[in-house]
Amino acid sequence: METINFPDHDYVFVTHNEDGSVDVYFNIETDEILALGDEMNGINDDAYMNGYNWEAFLNHYLARNAPDILEDMETDSEAGTYVAFYEDGVANEDKAIRLAETIISLVENKEEIFRILREEGDGIEWD
């Protein structure tokens, strides 16, 4: 199994699994992401940021900003993590890396997250 890490962003990584899938793991239980989730919930009561609501938020964001990343993507989120996976392949590896980079960009630019919550939060299909 090969893992792609993102320096200084230990909350997200991409793996190539023996079954041929390429997975994106977003650990939402790190201190940084938990604090961000609390801020998000302060803006929108429906945004209690478990893995399912991160999935809802990211699906909403990607549908508007990078719909191709959603193509062939499946998810298996849990309360404490967001997981997306694709069948193996160069195009899908690119999508997985772009998804991880999108997560990092949003976390680093939390004002964009807050804007989305204020302006579009009622249109997100929360858990």
N, C-alpha and C. Protein backbone atom coordinates (compact mmCIF):
# COMPACT_ATOMS: atom_id res chain seq x y z
N MET A 1 0.85 -1.18 0.00
CA MET A 1 0.00 0.00 0.00
C MET A 1 0.90 1.24 0.00
N GLU A 2 0.70 2.10 -0.95
CA GLU A 2 1.45 3.34 -1.07
C GLU A 2 0.61 4.48 -0.49
N THR A 3 1.25 5.35 0.29
CA THR A 3 0.55 6.47 0.89
C THR A 3 1.17 7.77 0.40
N ILE A 4 0.32 8.72 0.05
CA ILE A 4 0.76 10.06 -0.32
C ILE A 4 0.40 10.97 0.84
N ASN A 5 1.42 11.55 1.48
CA ASN A 5 1.21 12.47 2.58
C ASN A 5 1.35 13.90 2.09
N PHE A 6 0.78 14.80 2.83
CA PHE A 6 0.85 16.22 2.52
C PHE A 6 1.54 16.90 3.70
N PRO A 7 2.81 17.29 3.53
CA PRO A 7 3.57 17.87 4.65
C PRO A 7 2.79 19.01 5.33
N ASP A 8 2.87 19.02 6.64
CA ASP A 8 2.22 20.03 7.48
C ASP A 8 0.70 19.91 7.50
N HIS A 9 0.16 18.85 6.92
CA HIS A 9 -1.29 18.64 6.90
C HIS A 9 -1.56 17.17 7.24
N ASP A 10 -1.30 16.81 8.49
CA ASP A 10 -1.40 15.41 8.88
C ASP A 10 -2.83 14.91 9.00
N TYR A 11 -3.80 15.76 8.75
CA TYR A 11 -5.21 15.37 8.84
C TYR A 11 -5.74 14.77 7.54
N VAL A 12 -4.95 14.77 6.48
CA VAL A 12 -5.42 14.22 5.20
C VAL A 12 -4.29 13.47 4.50
N PHE A 13 -4.63 12.33 3.89
CA PHE A 13 -3.67 11.60 3.10
C PHE A 13 -4.40 10.74 2.07
N VAL A 14 -3.66 10.28 1.07
CA VAL A 14 -4.18 9.46 -0.02
C VAL A 14 -3.44 8.13 0.01
N THR A 15 -4.17 7.03 -0.15
CA THR A 15 -3.54 5.71 -0.19
C THR A 15 -3.96 4.94 -1.44
N HIS A 16 -3.04 4.11 -1.91
CA HIS A 16 -3.34 3.11 -2.94
C HIS A 16 -3.46 1.80 -2.20
N ASN A 17 -4.59 1.15 -2.31
CA ASN A 17 -4.84 -0.09 -1.58
C ASN A 17 -4.64 -1.31 -2.46
N GLU A 18 -4.46 -2.45 -1.81
CA GLU A 18 -4.25 -3.71 -2.51
C GLU A 18 -5.44 -4.09 -3.38
N ASP A 19 -6.64 -3.61 -3.03
CA ASP A 19 -7.83 -3.94 -3.82
C ASP A 19 -7.93 -3.07 -5.08
N GLY A 20 -6.95 -2.17 -5.27
CA GLY A 20 -6.94 -1.35 -6.46
C GLY A 20 -7.57 0.01 -6.28
N SER A 21 -8.10 0.31 -5.12
CA SER A 21 -8.74 1.61 -4.92
C SER A 21 -7.72 2.66 -4.51
N VAL A 22 -8.08 3.90 -4.75
CA VAL A 22 -7.32 5.06 -4.31
C VAL A 22 -8.23 5.79 -3.33
N ASP A 23 -7.78 5.92 -2.07
CA ASP A 23 -8.63 6.46 -1.02
C ASP A 23 -8.09 7.78 -0.49
N VAL A 24 -9.01 8.65 -0.12
CA VAL A 24 -8.68 9.91 0.54
C VAL A 24 -9.23 9.84 1.95
N TYR A 25 -8.36 9.99 2.93
CA TYR A 25 -8.76 9.98 4.33
C TYR A 25 -8.63 11.39 4.89
N PHE A 26 -9.69 11.88 5.51
CA PHE A 26 -9.71 13.18 6.17
C PHE A 26 -10.07 12.93 7.62
N ASN A 27 -9.07 13.01 8.49
CA ASN A 27 -9.27 12.76 9.92
C ASN A 27 -9.82 14.04 10.56
N ILE A 28 -11.08 14.01 10.89
CA ILE A 28 -11.73 15.21 11.43
C ILE A 28 -11.62 15.30 12.94
N GLU A 29 -10.87 14.38 13.56
CA GLU A 29 -10.73 14.39 15.02
C GLU A 29 -9.40 14.97 15.48
N THR A 30 -8.67 15.65 14.60
CA THR A 30 -7.48 16.37 15.05
C THR A 30 -7.95 17.67 15.70
N ASP A 31 -7.12 18.23 16.56
CA ASP A 31 -7.49 19.46 17.27
C ASP A 31 -7.87 20.59 16.30
N GLU A 32 -7.08 20.74 15.25
CA GLU A 32 -7.32 21.81 14.28
C GLU A 32 -8.69 21.67 13.60
N ILE A 33 -9.02 20.46 13.19
CA ILE A 33 -10.27 20.24 12.46
C ILE A 33 -11.46 20.27 13.42
N LEU A 34 -11.29 19.78 14.64
CA LEU A 34 -12.37 19.88 15.63
C LEU A 34 -12.69 21.34 15.94
N ALA A 35 -11.65 22.17 16.08
CA ALA A 35 -11.86 23.60 16.35
C ALA A 35 -12.57 24.26 15.17
N LEU A 36 -12.18 23.92 13.96
CA LEU A 36 -12.85 24.45 12.77
C LEU A 36 -14.31 24.02 12.75
N GLY A 37 -14.56 22.76 13.07
CA GLY A 37 -15.94 22.27 13.11
C GLY A 37 -16.78 23.03 14.12
N ASP A 38 -16.20 23.36 15.28
CA ASP A 38 -16.93 24.15 16.28
C ASP A 38 -17.28 25.53 15.73
N GLU A 39 -16.33 26.15 15.02
CA GLU A 39 -16.60 27.46 14.42
C GLU A 39 -17.71 27.36 13.37
N MET A 40 -17.68 26.30 12.59
CA MET A 40 -18.69 26.10 11.56
C MET A 40 -20.07 25.94 12.19
N ASN A 41 -20.14 25.17 13.26
CA ASN A 41 -21.40 24.95 13.95
C ASN A 41 -21.93 26.24 14.58
N GLY A 42 -21.03 27.14 14.95
CA GLY A 42 -21.43 28.43 15.47
C GLY A 42 -22.11 29.31 14.42
N ILE A 43 -21.79 29.07 13.17
CA ILE A 43 -22.39 29.84 12.07
C ILE A 43 -23.69 29.20 11.61
N ASN A 44 -23.73 27.87 11.58
CA ASN A 44 -24.92 27.16 11.12
C ASN A 44 -25.18 25.99 12.06
N ASP A 45 -26.32 26.01 12.75
CA ASP A 45 -26.64 24.97 13.73
C ASP A 45 -26.65 23.57 13.14
N ASP A 46 -26.95 23.44 11.85
CA ASP A 46 -26.99 22.12 11.21
C ASP A 46 -25.59 21.58 10.92
N ALA A 47 -24.59 22.44 10.99
CA ALA A 47 -23.22 22.07 10.64
C ALA A 47 -22.46 21.56 11.85
N TYR A 48 -22.97 20.49 12.48
CA TYR A 48 -22.18 19.80 13.50
C TYR A 48 -21.31 18.82 12.71
N MET A 49 -20.01 19.05 12.73
CA MET A 49 -19.15 18.50 11.70
C MET A 49 -18.58 17.12 12.01
N ASN A 50 -19.48 16.13 11.93
CA ASN A 50 -19.03 14.74 11.94
C ASN A 50 -18.64 14.36 10.50
N GLY A 51 -18.24 13.12 10.29
CA GLY A 51 -17.82 12.70 8.95
C GLY A 51 -18.91 12.83 7.91
N TYR A 52 -20.14 12.58 8.32
CA TYR A 52 -21.26 12.66 7.38
C TYR A 52 -21.52 14.10 6.95
N ASN A 53 -21.38 15.04 7.87
CA ASN A 53 -21.60 16.44 7.50
C ASN A 53 -20.42 17.03 6.73
N TRP A 54 -19.20 16.53 6.99
CA TRP A 54 -18.10 16.93 6.11
C TRP A 54 -18.36 16.43 4.70
N GLU A 55 -18.89 15.22 4.60
CA GLU A 55 -19.25 14.68 3.29
C GLU A 55 -20.30 15.57 2.61
N ALA A 56 -21.32 15.97 3.34
CA ALA A 56 -22.36 16.84 2.79
C ALA A 56 -21.77 18.17 2.34
N PHE A 57 -20.93 18.76 3.19
CA PHE A 57 -20.32 20.04 2.85
C PHE A 57 -19.43 19.92 1.62
N LEU A 58 -18.55 18.90 1.61
CA LEU A 58 -17.64 18.74 0.48
C LEU A 58 -18.38 18.41 -0.81
N ASN A 59 -19.41 17.58 -0.74
CA ASN A 59 -20.19 17.29 -1.94
C ASN A 59 -20.82 18.56 -2.50
N HIS A 60 -21.35 19.40 -1.62
CA HIS A 60 -21.94 20.68 -2.04
C HIS A 60 -20.87 21.56 -2.69
N TYR A 61 -19.73 21.68 -2.04
CA TYR A 61 -18.65 22.52 -2.56
C TYR A 61 -18.14 22.00 -3.90
N LEU A 62 -17.89 20.71 -3.98
CA LEU A 62 -17.35 20.13 -5.21
C LEU A 62 -18.34 20.22 -6.36
N ALA A 63 -19.61 20.03 -6.09
CA ALA A 63 -20.62 20.11 -7.15
C ALA A 63 -20.60 21.48 -7.82
N ARG A 64 -20.26 22.50 -7.05
CA ARG A 64 -20.23 23.87 -7.59
C ARG A 64 -18.87 24.27 -8.14
N ASN A 65 -17.81 23.67 -7.63
CA ASN A 65 -16.47 24.16 -7.95
C ASN A 65 -15.56 23.18 -8.68
N ALA A 66 -15.81 21.90 -8.54
CA ALA A 66 -14.98 20.89 -9.20
C ALA A 66 -15.78 19.61 -9.38
N PRO A 67 -16.85 19.67 -10.17
CA PRO A 67 -17.74 18.50 -10.28
C PRO A 67 -17.05 17.25 -10.82
N ASP A 68 -15.98 17.42 -11.57
CA ASP A 68 -15.29 16.23 -12.10
C ASP A 68 -14.68 15.38 -10.98
N ILE A 69 -14.36 15.98 -9.85
CA ILE A 69 -13.81 15.21 -8.73
C ILE A 69 -14.86 14.24 -8.19
N LEU A 70 -16.11 14.60 -8.30
CA LEU A 70 -17.20 13.74 -7.82
C LEU A 70 -17.44 12.53 -8.72
N GLU A 71 -17.00 12.60 -9.99
CA GLU A 71 -17.21 11.51 -10.92
C GLU A 71 -16.46 10.26 -10.46
N ASP A 72 -17.14 9.15 -10.38
CA ASP A 72 -16.58 7.86 -9.97
C ASP A 72 -16.17 7.81 -8.50
N MET A 73 -16.52 8.84 -7.72
CA MET A 73 -16.15 8.87 -6.32
C MET A 73 -17.24 8.20 -5.48
N GLU A 74 -16.81 7.38 -4.55
CA GLU A 74 -17.71 6.81 -3.55
C GLU A 74 -17.20 7.23 -2.19
N THR A 75 -18.07 7.20 -1.20
CA THR A 75 -17.66 7.60 0.15
C THR A 75 -18.05 6.53 1.16
N ASP A 76 -17.33 6.55 2.25
CA ASP A 76 -17.63 5.65 3.38
C ASP A 76 -17.26 6.40 4.66
N SER A 77 -17.92 7.52 4.89
CA SER A 77 -17.63 8.34 6.05
C SER A 77 -18.20 7.71 7.31
N GLU A 78 -17.61 8.08 8.41
CA GLU A 78 -18.04 7.65 9.74
C GLU A 78 -18.14 8.90 10.60
N ALA A 79 -18.49 8.71 11.85
CA ALA A 79 -18.62 9.86 12.74
C ALA A 79 -17.32 10.63 12.86
N GLY A 80 -16.17 9.93 12.89
CA GLY A 80 -14.89 10.60 13.13
C GLY A 80 -13.99 10.77 11.94
N THR A 81 -14.45 10.38 10.76
CA THR A 81 -13.59 10.51 9.58
C THR A 81 -14.43 10.63 8.32
N TYR A 82 -13.84 11.28 7.33
CA TYR A 82 -14.43 11.37 5.99
C TYR A 82 -13.52 10.55 5.09
N VAL A 83 -14.09 9.62 4.35
CA VAL A 83 -13.32 8.79 3.43
C VAL A 83 -14.00 8.80 2.07
N ALA A 84 -13.20 9.09 1.06
CA ALA A 84 -13.67 9.01 -0.33
C ALA A 84 -12.75 8.03 -1.05
N PHE A 85 -13.31 7.29 -2.00
CA PHE A 85 -12.45 6.36 -2.72
C PHE A 85 -12.88 6.25 -4.17
N TYR A 86 -11.88 5.90 -4.97
CA TYR A 86 -12.02 5.74 -6.42
C TYR A 86 -11.39 4.41 -6.82
N GLU A 87 -11.83 3.87 -7.94
CA GLU A 87 -11.12 2.74 -8.51
C GLU A 87 -9.77 3.23 -8.98
N ASP A 88 -8.80 2.34 -8.98
CA ASP A 88 -7.43 2.72 -9.34
C ASP A 88 -7.36 3.21 -10.77
N GLY A 89 -6.41 4.06 -11.03
CA GLY A 89 -6.16 4.58 -12.36
C GLY A 89 -5.55 5.96 -12.25
N VAL A 90 -4.82 6.34 -13.27
CA VAL A 90 -4.12 7.63 -13.25
C VAL A 90 -5.10 8.79 -13.09
N ALA A 91 -6.20 8.77 -13.84
CA ALA A 91 -7.18 9.86 -13.75
C ALA A 91 -7.79 9.93 -12.37
N ASN A 92 -8.07 8.78 -11.79
CA ASN A 92 -8.67 8.77 -10.45
C ASN A 92 -7.66 9.14 -9.38
N GLU A 93 -6.40 8.78 -9.56
CA GLU A 93 -5.38 9.22 -8.61
C GLU A 93 -5.30 10.74 -8.64
N ASP A 94 -5.37 11.33 -9.81
CA ASP A 94 -5.36 12.79 -9.92
C ASP A 94 -6.56 13.39 -9.18
N LYS A 95 -7.74 12.79 -9.33
CA LYS A 95 -8.92 13.28 -8.62
C LYS A 95 -8.73 13.18 -7.11
N ALA A 96 -8.17 12.06 -6.65
CA ALA A 96 -7.96 11.87 -5.21
C ALA A 96 -7.00 12.92 -4.66
N ILE A 97 -5.93 13.17 -5.37
CA ILE A 97 -4.97 14.20 -4.94
C ILE A 97 -5.62 15.57 -4.96
N ARG A 98 -6.38 15.87 -5.99
CA ARG A 98 -7.07 17.17 -6.05
C ARG A 98 -8.10 17.31 -4.92
N LEU A 99 -8.77 16.21 -4.57
CA LEU A 99 -9.71 16.26 -3.45
C LEU A 99 -8.96 16.58 -2.16
N ALA A 100 -7.86 15.90 -1.92
CA ALA A 100 -7.07 16.17 -0.71
C ALA A 100 -6.58 17.62 -0.70
N GLU A 101 -6.12 18.11 -1.84
CA GLU A 101 -5.65 19.49 -1.93
C GLU A 101 -6.80 20.48 -1.72
N THR A 102 -8.00 20.13 -2.16
CA THR A 102 -9.18 20.98 -1.94
C THR A 102 -9.51 21.05 -0.45
N ILE A 103 -9.45 19.91 0.22
CA ILE A 103 -9.69 19.89 1.67
C ILE A 103 -8.68 20.78 2.37
N ILE A 104 -7.41 20.64 2.03
CA ILE A 104 -6.36 21.46 2.64
C ILE A 104 -6.61 22.94 2.37
N SER A 105 -6.93 23.28 1.14
CA SER A 105 -7.20 24.68 0.79
C SER A 105 -8.35 25.26 1.60
N LEU A 106 -9.42 24.49 1.75
CA LEU A 106 -10.56 24.97 2.52
C LEU A 106 -10.19 25.15 3.99
N VAL A 107 -9.47 24.19 4.55
CA VAL A 107 -9.07 24.29 5.96
C VAL A 107 -8.17 25.51 6.16
N GLU A 108 -7.26 25.74 5.22
CA GLU A 108 -6.35 26.88 5.33
C GLU A 108 -7.04 28.22 5.07
N ASN A 109 -8.15 28.19 4.38
CA ASN A 109 -8.90 29.41 4.05
C ASN A 109 -10.30 29.31 4.63
N LYS A 110 -10.36 29.20 5.95
CA LYS A 110 -11.64 28.93 6.60
C LYS A 110 -12.67 30.03 6.38
N GLU A 111 -12.23 31.22 6.02
CA GLU A 111 -13.20 32.29 5.72
C GLU A 111 -14.07 31.91 4.53
N GLU A 112 -13.52 31.14 3.60
CA GLU A 112 -14.32 30.65 2.47
C GLU A 112 -15.38 29.67 2.96
N ILE A 113 -15.00 28.80 3.88
CA ILE A 113 -15.97 27.87 4.48
C ILE A 113 -17.08 28.66 5.15
N PHE A 114 -16.71 29.68 5.92
CA PHE A 114 -17.70 30.47 6.65
C PHE A 114 -18.63 31.21 5.70
N ARG A 115 -18.07 31.71 4.58
CA ARG A 115 -18.90 32.39 3.57
C ARG A 115 -19.92 31.42 3.00
N ILE A 116 -19.47 30.23 2.67
CA ILE A 116 -20.37 29.22 2.11
C ILE A 116 -21.47 28.90 3.11
N LEU A 117 -21.11 28.73 4.37
CA LEU A 117 -22.12 28.43 5.39
C LEU A 117 -23.16 29.54 5.51
N ARG A 118 -22.69 30.78 5.49
CA ARG A 118 -23.62 31.92 5.60
C ARG A 118 -24.51 32.05 4.37
N GLU A 119 -23.92 31.90 3.19
CA GLU A 119 -24.65 32.16 1.94
C GLU A 119 -25.38 30.94 1.39
N GLU A 120 -24.87 29.74 1.64
CA GLU A 120 -25.42 28.55 1.00
C GLU A 120 -25.77 27.44 1.99
N GLY A 121 -25.57 27.68 3.26
CA GLY A 121 -25.74 26.64 4.28
C GLY A 121 -27.09 25.98 4.28
N ASP A 122 -28.14 26.76 3.99
CA ASP A 122 -29.48 26.17 3.97
C ASP A 122 -29.69 25.24 2.78
N GLY A 123 -28.83 25.32 1.78
CA GLY A 123 -28.94 24.46 0.61
C GLY A 123 -28.09 23.19 0.69
N ILE A 124 -27.37 23.02 1.78
CA ILE A 124 -26.54 21.83 1.97
C ILE A 124 -27.38 20.74 2.61
N GLU A 125 -27.25 19.52 2.10
CA GLU A 125 -28.05 18.39 2.61
C GLU A 125 -27.32 17.78 3.81
N TRP A 126 -27.47 18.42 4.95
CA TRP A 126 -26.79 18.00 6.18
C TRP A 126 -27.33 16.66 6.66
N ASP A 127 -26.51 15.96 7.45
CA ASP A 127 -26.87 14.68 8.05
C ASP A 127 -28.02 14.87 9.05
